[in-house]
Amino acid sequence: MRKSILFFSIALTAITLGFTACSSDNNDDTPSVADRVAGTYTGTDTLTIGGTYGPYETAGCRYVITSAGDSSVTLTENEVTYASTFIGDVTQGTLTIKNIPYNKTTGTFYLNLEGAGVVAHVKCVSHGITTMDSDYTLTSGYVRITPLGSGRVKVDKTYRYGKMPFDIVTVYRGSSK
C-alpha cells in the first residue's frame, strides 16, 4: 500500500508539472506592433508649404498614438500653431486619423489620406485679421508613422486642405514620456 501511495504521489506530481509546462509554452506575452508604438509623445513638428515656404518649426507638440487592434493605430495630434508663416500664424486644431494600418514590408504604419474622410480645423491670422477659420477635408496625401525605438517616433504627412493648390508637408519627431 505504501508503494501505491508513493507511486500515486509521484505520478500526480509529474502530471501537474507536465500541465504547467504545457500552459507556459502556449503563452505569448509579446505585445503587438500597435501596442509597442502606442503612447503619448512630445516633440517638434516642422511644416513646409508648397515645397518652397518654410520650414516652420513648433516645439512641444503632443501626439497620442493608440492601438486600434493588433496591426493598426489611431493618431491624435493636439492643436498646433505655426507662427509667422508667409500667410500668417496658422493654427491647426486637434486632428485625429483613425485606423492607420501596419505595413510589415516597410516597418511603418501608413495610410493614403485621399478619400479617408479626415477633417482638420484651420485658422489663420495675419496682421490681426483672421483670413481662414474653417474645417477642411484632407483631400490627398498620406500619413506615415515610423517607430524609431527607445520610445521615439517619426510621423510624416503630406496633404492638402480642401482645394488648396499646394501640398503641406509636416515632419514630427517625438519621444514618449
C-alpha atoms as a PDB file:
ATOM      1  CA  MET A   1       0.000   0.000   0.000  1.00  0.00           C
ATOM      2  CA  ARG A   2       2.844   2.345   0.829  1.00  0.00           C
ATOM      3  CA  LYS A   3       4.310   1.764  -2.645  1.00  0.00           C
ATOM      4  CA  SER A   4       0.938   2.544  -4.232  1.00  0.00           C
ATOM      5  CA  ILE A   5       0.640   5.864  -2.360  1.00  0.00           C
ATOM      6  CA  LEU A   6       4.251   6.771  -3.245  1.00  0.00           C
ATOM      7  CA  PHE A   7       3.680   5.836  -6.908  1.00  0.00           C
ATOM      8  CA  PHE A   8       0.382   7.801  -6.981  1.00  0.00           C
ATOM      9  CA  SER A   9       2.071  10.884  -5.424  1.00  0.00           C
ATOM     10  CA  ILE A  10       4.932  10.807  -7.959  1.00  0.00           C
ATOM     11  CA  ALA A  11       2.515  10.321 -10.846  1.00  0.00           C
ATOM     12  CA  LEU A  12       0.312  13.204  -9.674  1.00  0.00           C
ATOM     13  CA  THR A  13       3.368  15.498  -9.331  1.00  0.00           C
ATOM     14  CA  ALA A  14       4.577  14.572 -12.827  1.00  0.00           C
ATOM     15  CA  ILE A  15       1.150  15.247 -14.353  1.00  0.00           C
ATOM     16  CA  THR A  16       0.897  18.611 -12.568  1.00  0.00           C
ATOM     17  CA  LEU A  17       4.367  19.670 -13.769  1.00  0.00           C
ATOM     18  CA  GLY A  18       3.517  18.498 -17.278  1.00  0.00           C
ATOM     19  CA  PHE A  19       0.384  20.657 -17.440  1.00  0.00           C
ATOM     20  CA  THR A  20       2.265  23.646 -16.029  1.00  0.00           C
ATOM     21  CA  ALA A  21       4.996  23.285 -18.645  1.00  0.00           C
ATOM     22  CA  CYS A  22       2.449  22.976 -21.462  1.00  0.00           C
ATOM     23  CA  SER A  23       0.481  26.037 -20.436  1.00  0.00           C
ATOM     24  CA  SER A  24       3.575  28.242 -20.292  1.00  0.00           C
ATOM     25  CA  ASP A  25       4.614  27.056 -23.774  1.00  0.00           C
ATOM     26  CA  ASN A  26       1.348  28.390 -25.195  1.00  0.00           C
ATOM     27  CA  ASN A  27       1.520  31.861 -23.592  1.00  0.00           C
ATOM     28  CA  ASP A  28       2.693  34.595 -25.948  1.00  0.00           C
ATOM     29  CA  ASP A  29       3.136  37.757 -23.902  1.00  0.00           C
ATOM     30  CA  THR A  30       4.768  39.670 -26.777  1.00  0.00           C
ATOM     31  CA  PRO A  31       2.815  42.904 -27.343  1.00  0.00           C
ATOM     32  CA  SER A  32       1.529  43.597 -30.858  1.00  0.00           C
ATOM     33  CA  VAL A  33       3.349  46.102 -33.049  1.00  0.00           C
ATOM     34  CA  ALA A  34       0.446  48.527 -32.462  1.00  0.00           C
ATOM     35  CA  ASP A  35       0.745  48.117 -28.679  1.00  0.00           C
ATOM     36  CA  ARG A  36       4.515  48.690 -28.831  1.00  0.00           C
ATOM     37  CA  VAL A  37       4.165  52.073 -30.597  1.00  0.00           C
ATOM     38  CA  ALA A  38       1.138  53.234 -28.563  1.00  0.00           C
ATOM     39  CA  GLY A  39       1.878  56.128 -26.231  1.00  0.00           C
ATOM     40  CA  THR A  40       1.963  59.869 -25.686  1.00  0.00           C
ATOM     41  CA  TYR A  41       4.808  61.633 -27.457  1.00  0.00           C
ATOM     42  CA  THR A  42       6.199  65.145 -27.081  1.00  0.00           C
ATOM     43  CA  GLY A  43       8.387  66.626 -29.783  1.00  0.00           C
ATOM     44  CA  THR A  44       8.904  69.073 -32.617  1.00  0.00           C
ATOM     45  CA  ASP A  45       6.704  69.490 -35.694  1.00  0.00           C
ATOM     46  CA  THR A  46       8.199  71.024 -38.832  1.00  0.00           C
ATOM     47  CA  LEU A  47       5.941  72.443 -41.563  1.00  0.00           C
ATOM     48  CA  THR A  48       6.742  73.228 -45.195  1.00  0.00           C
ATOM     49  CA  ILE A  49       4.139  74.759 -47.506  1.00  0.00           C
ATOM     50  CA  GLY A  50       4.223  74.143 -51.252  1.00  0.00           C
ATOM     51  CA  GLY A  51       7.779  72.840 -51.123  1.00  0.00           C
ATOM     52  CA  THR A  52       9.006  76.446 -51.037  1.00  0.00           C
ATOM     53  CA  TYR A  53       7.847  78.140 -47.839  1.00  0.00           C
ATOM     54  CA  GLY A  54       9.338  77.102 -44.551  1.00  0.00           C
ATOM     55  CA  PRO A  55      10.387  75.180 -42.708  1.00  0.00           C
ATOM     56  CA  TYR A  56       8.325  76.492 -39.818  1.00  0.00           C
ATOM     57  CA  GLU A  57       9.056  74.695 -36.564  1.00  0.00           C
ATOM     58  CA  THR A  58       6.951  74.296 -33.430  1.00  0.00           C
ATOM     59  CA  ALA A  59       8.384  72.601 -30.325  1.00  0.00           C
ATOM     60  CA  GLY A  60       6.432  70.945 -27.521  1.00  0.00           C
ATOM     61  CA  CYS A  61       3.851  69.322 -29.815  1.00  0.00           C
ATOM     62  CA  ARG A  62       1.950  66.386 -28.336  1.00  0.00           C
ATOM     63  CA  TYR A  63       0.902  63.361 -30.389  1.00  0.00           C
ATOM     64  CA  VAL A  64      -1.027  60.411 -28.957  1.00  0.00           C
ATOM     65  CA  ILE A  65      -0.886  57.047 -30.687  1.00  0.00           C
ATOM     66  CA  THR A  66      -3.389  54.427 -29.562  1.00  0.00           C
ATOM     67  CA  SER A  67      -3.628  50.813 -30.600  1.00  0.00           C
ATOM     68  CA  ALA A  68      -6.640  50.129 -32.817  1.00  0.00           C
ATOM     69  CA  GLY A  69      -6.041  46.371 -32.933  1.00  0.00           C
ATOM     70  CA  ASP A  70      -3.045  44.133 -33.495  1.00  0.00           C
ATOM     71  CA  SER A  71      -1.856  45.921 -36.617  1.00  0.00           C
ATOM     72  CA  SER A  72      -3.346  49.415 -36.806  1.00  0.00           C
ATOM     73  CA  VAL A  73      -3.245  52.615 -34.778  1.00  0.00           C
ATOM     74  CA  THR A  74      -5.100  55.892 -34.323  1.00  0.00           C
ATOM     75  CA  LEU A  75      -3.075  59.114 -34.343  1.00  0.00           C
ATOM     76  CA  THR A  76      -4.311  62.191 -32.458  1.00  0.00           C
ATOM     77  CA  GLU A  77      -2.382  65.426 -32.823  1.00  0.00           C
ATOM     78  CA  ASN A  78      -3.141  68.165 -30.324  1.00  0.00           C
ATOM     79  CA  GLU A  79      -3.743  71.687 -31.613  1.00  0.00           C
ATOM     80  CA  VAL A  80      -0.572  73.220 -33.032  1.00  0.00           C
ATOM     81  CA  THR A  81       0.287  76.768 -34.144  1.00  0.00           C
ATOM     82  CA  TYR A  82       2.947  77.562 -36.720  1.00  0.00           C
ATOM     83  CA  ALA A  83       3.876  81.204 -36.079  1.00  0.00           C
ATOM     84  CA  SER A  84       4.929  83.749 -38.679  1.00  0.00           C
ATOM     85  CA  THR A  85       4.392  81.699 -41.819  1.00  0.00           C
ATOM     86  CA  PHE A  86       4.163  83.595 -45.109  1.00  0.00           C
ATOM     87  CA  ILE A  87       0.345  83.610 -44.719  1.00  0.00           C
ATOM     88  CA  GLY A  88       0.353  84.475 -41.006  1.00  0.00           C
ATOM     89  CA  ASP A  89       0.009  82.432 -37.818  1.00  0.00           C
ATOM     90  CA  VAL A  90      -1.580  79.108 -38.816  1.00  0.00           C
ATOM     91  CA  THR A  91      -3.326  77.025 -36.151  1.00  0.00           C
ATOM     92  CA  GLN A  92      -4.476  73.513 -36.912  1.00  0.00           C
ATOM     93  CA  GLY A  93      -6.984  72.186 -34.393  1.00  0.00           C
ATOM     94  CA  THR A  94      -6.806  68.737 -32.849  1.00  0.00           C
ATOM     95  CA  LEU A  95      -6.575  66.219 -35.683  1.00  0.00           C
ATOM     96  CA  THR A  96      -7.442  62.525 -35.416  1.00  0.00           C
ATOM     97  CA  ILE A  97      -6.573  59.961 -38.080  1.00  0.00           C
ATOM     98  CA  LYS A  98      -8.061  56.521 -37.418  1.00  0.00           C
ATOM     99  CA  ASN A  99      -7.119  53.000 -38.477  1.00  0.00           C
ATOM    100  CA  ILE A 100      -3.636  53.564 -39.859  1.00  0.00           C
ATOM    101  CA  PRO A 101      -2.541  50.034 -40.854  1.00  0.00           C
ATOM    102  CA  TYR A 102       0.886  48.499 -40.283  1.00  0.00           C
ATOM    103  CA  ASN A 103       2.998  47.620 -43.321  1.00  0.00           C
ATOM    104  CA  LYS A 104       5.357  44.742 -42.463  1.00  0.00           C
ATOM    105  CA  THR A 105       7.493  45.366 -45.542  1.00  0.00           C
ATOM    106  CA  THR A 106       8.375  48.954 -44.599  1.00  0.00           C
ATOM    107  CA  GLY A 107       8.030  48.577 -40.816  1.00  0.00           C
ATOM    108  CA  THR A 108       5.758  51.638 -40.723  1.00  0.00           C
ATOM    109  CA  PHE A 109       2.101  52.488 -40.234  1.00  0.00           C
ATOM    110  CA  TYR A 110       0.865  54.042 -43.496  1.00  0.00           C
ATOM    111  CA  LEU A 111      -2.453  55.453 -44.732  1.00  0.00           C
ATOM    112  CA  ASN A 112      -3.358  57.152 -48.009  1.00  0.00           C
ATOM    113  CA  LEU A 113      -5.461  60.173 -46.976  1.00  0.00           C
ATOM    114  CA  GLU A 114      -7.360  60.511 -50.253  1.00  0.00           C
ATOM    115  CA  GLY A 115     -10.942  59.528 -49.520  1.00  0.00           C
ATOM    116  CA  ALA A 116     -10.178  58.751 -45.844  1.00  0.00           C
ATOM    117  CA  GLY A 117     -12.553  61.480 -44.640  1.00  0.00           C
ATOM    118  CA  VAL A 118     -10.025  63.156 -42.358  1.00  0.00           C
ATOM    119  CA  VAL A 119     -11.074  66.705 -41.422  1.00  0.00           C
ATOM    120  CA  ALA A 120      -8.943  69.440 -39.854  1.00  0.00           C
ATOM    121  CA  HIS A 121      -9.989  72.809 -38.467  1.00  0.00           C
ATOM    122  CA  VAL A 122      -7.613  75.531 -39.645  1.00  0.00           C
ATOM    123  CA  LYS A 123      -7.417  79.131 -38.507  1.00  0.00           C
ATOM    124  CA  CYS A 124      -5.038  81.688 -39.958  1.00  0.00           C
ATOM    125  CA  VAL A 125      -4.437  85.153 -38.511  1.00  0.00           C
ATOM    126  CA  SER A 126      -2.351  87.640 -40.485  1.00  0.00           C
ATOM    127  CA  HIS A 127      -1.598  91.097 -39.010  1.00  0.00           C
ATOM    128  CA  GLY A 128      -4.517  90.714 -36.583  1.00  0.00           C
ATOM    129  CA  ILE A 129      -7.017  89.736 -39.302  1.00  0.00           C
ATOM    130  CA  THR A 130      -8.494  86.231 -39.439  1.00  0.00           C
ATOM    131  CA  THR A 131      -8.158  85.075 -43.037  1.00  0.00           C
ATOM    132  CA  MET A 132      -9.162  81.416 -42.525  1.00  0.00           C
ATOM    133  CA  ASP A 133     -11.320  79.783 -39.860  1.00  0.00           C
ATOM    134  CA  SER A 134     -12.976  76.644 -41.177  1.00  0.00           C
ATOM    135  CA  ASP A 135     -12.981  72.856 -41.371  1.00  0.00           C
ATOM    136  CA  TYR A 136     -11.152  71.341 -44.340  1.00  0.00           C
ATOM    137  CA  THR A 137     -11.061  67.766 -45.583  1.00  0.00           C
ATOM    138  CA  LEU A 138      -7.572  66.436 -46.258  1.00  0.00           C
ATOM    139  CA  THR A 139      -8.078  65.581 -49.944  1.00  0.00           C
ATOM    140  CA  SER A 140      -4.786  63.953 -50.868  1.00  0.00           C
ATOM    141  CA  GLY A 141      -1.512  62.740 -49.451  1.00  0.00           C
ATOM    142  CA  TYR A 142      -0.583  60.283 -46.739  1.00  0.00           C
ATOM    143  CA  VAL A 143       0.424  59.798 -43.122  1.00  0.00           C
ATOM    144  CA  ARG A 144       3.322  57.527 -42.160  1.00  0.00           C
ATOM    145  CA  ILE A 145       4.345  56.637 -38.595  1.00  0.00           C
ATOM    146  CA  THR A 146       7.832  55.209 -38.194  1.00  0.00           C
ATOM    147  CA  PRO A 147       8.750  53.670 -34.823  1.00  0.00           C
ATOM    148  CA  LEU A 148      12.388  54.608 -34.121  1.00  0.00           C
ATOM    149  CA  GLY A 149      12.860  52.503 -30.976  1.00  0.00           C
ATOM    150  CA  SER A 150      13.728  53.625 -27.454  1.00  0.00           C
ATOM    151  CA  GLY A 151      10.360  55.387 -27.089  1.00  0.00           C
ATOM    152  CA  ARG A 152      10.846  57.587 -30.157  1.00  0.00           C
ATOM    153  CA  VAL A 153       8.665  58.020 -33.236  1.00  0.00           C
ATOM    154  CA  LYS A 154       8.687  59.931 -36.528  1.00  0.00           C
ATOM    155  CA  VAL A 155       5.397  60.967 -38.159  1.00  0.00           C
ATOM    156  CA  ASP A 156       5.454  62.449 -41.620  1.00  0.00           C
ATOM    157  CA  LYS A 157       2.436  63.707 -43.517  1.00  0.00           C
ATOM    158  CA  THR A 158       1.839  65.196 -46.920  1.00  0.00           C
ATOM    159  CA  TYR A 159      -1.655  66.573 -47.537  1.00  0.00           C
ATOM    160  CA  ARG A 160      -3.832  69.323 -48.935  1.00  0.00           C
ATOM    161  CA  TYR A 161      -6.621  71.204 -47.211  1.00  0.00           C
ATOM    162  CA  GLY A 162      -9.716  71.043 -49.436  1.00  0.00           C
ATOM    163  CA  LYS A 163      -8.999  72.549 -52.860  1.00  0.00           C
ATOM    164  CA  MET A 164      -5.741  74.174 -51.814  1.00  0.00           C
ATOM    165  CA  PRO A 165      -3.383  74.086 -54.825  1.00  0.00           C
ATOM    166  CA  PHE A 166      -0.220  73.079 -52.987  1.00  0.00           C
ATOM    167  CA  ASP A 167       0.984  70.359 -50.631  1.00  0.00           C
ATOM    168  CA  ILE A 168       1.611  70.816 -46.955  1.00  0.00           C
ATOM    169  CA  VAL A 169       4.369  68.623 -45.551  1.00  0.00           C
ATOM    170  CA  THR A 170       4.894  68.073 -41.832  1.00  0.00           C
ATOM    171  CA  VAL A 171       7.573  66.017 -40.141  1.00  0.00           C
ATOM    172  CA  TYR A 172       7.231  65.266 -36.445  1.00  0.00           C
ATOM    173  CA  ARG A 173       9.845  63.699 -34.189  1.00  0.00           C
ATOM    174  CA  GLY A 174       8.858  62.890 -30.648  1.00  0.00           C
ATOM    175  CA  SER A 175       9.693  60.848 -27.573  1.00  0.00           C
ATOM    176  CA  SER A 176       7.285  59.144 -25.205  1.00  0.00           C
ATOM    177  CA  LYS A 177       7.047  60.337 -21.620  1.00  0.00           C
END
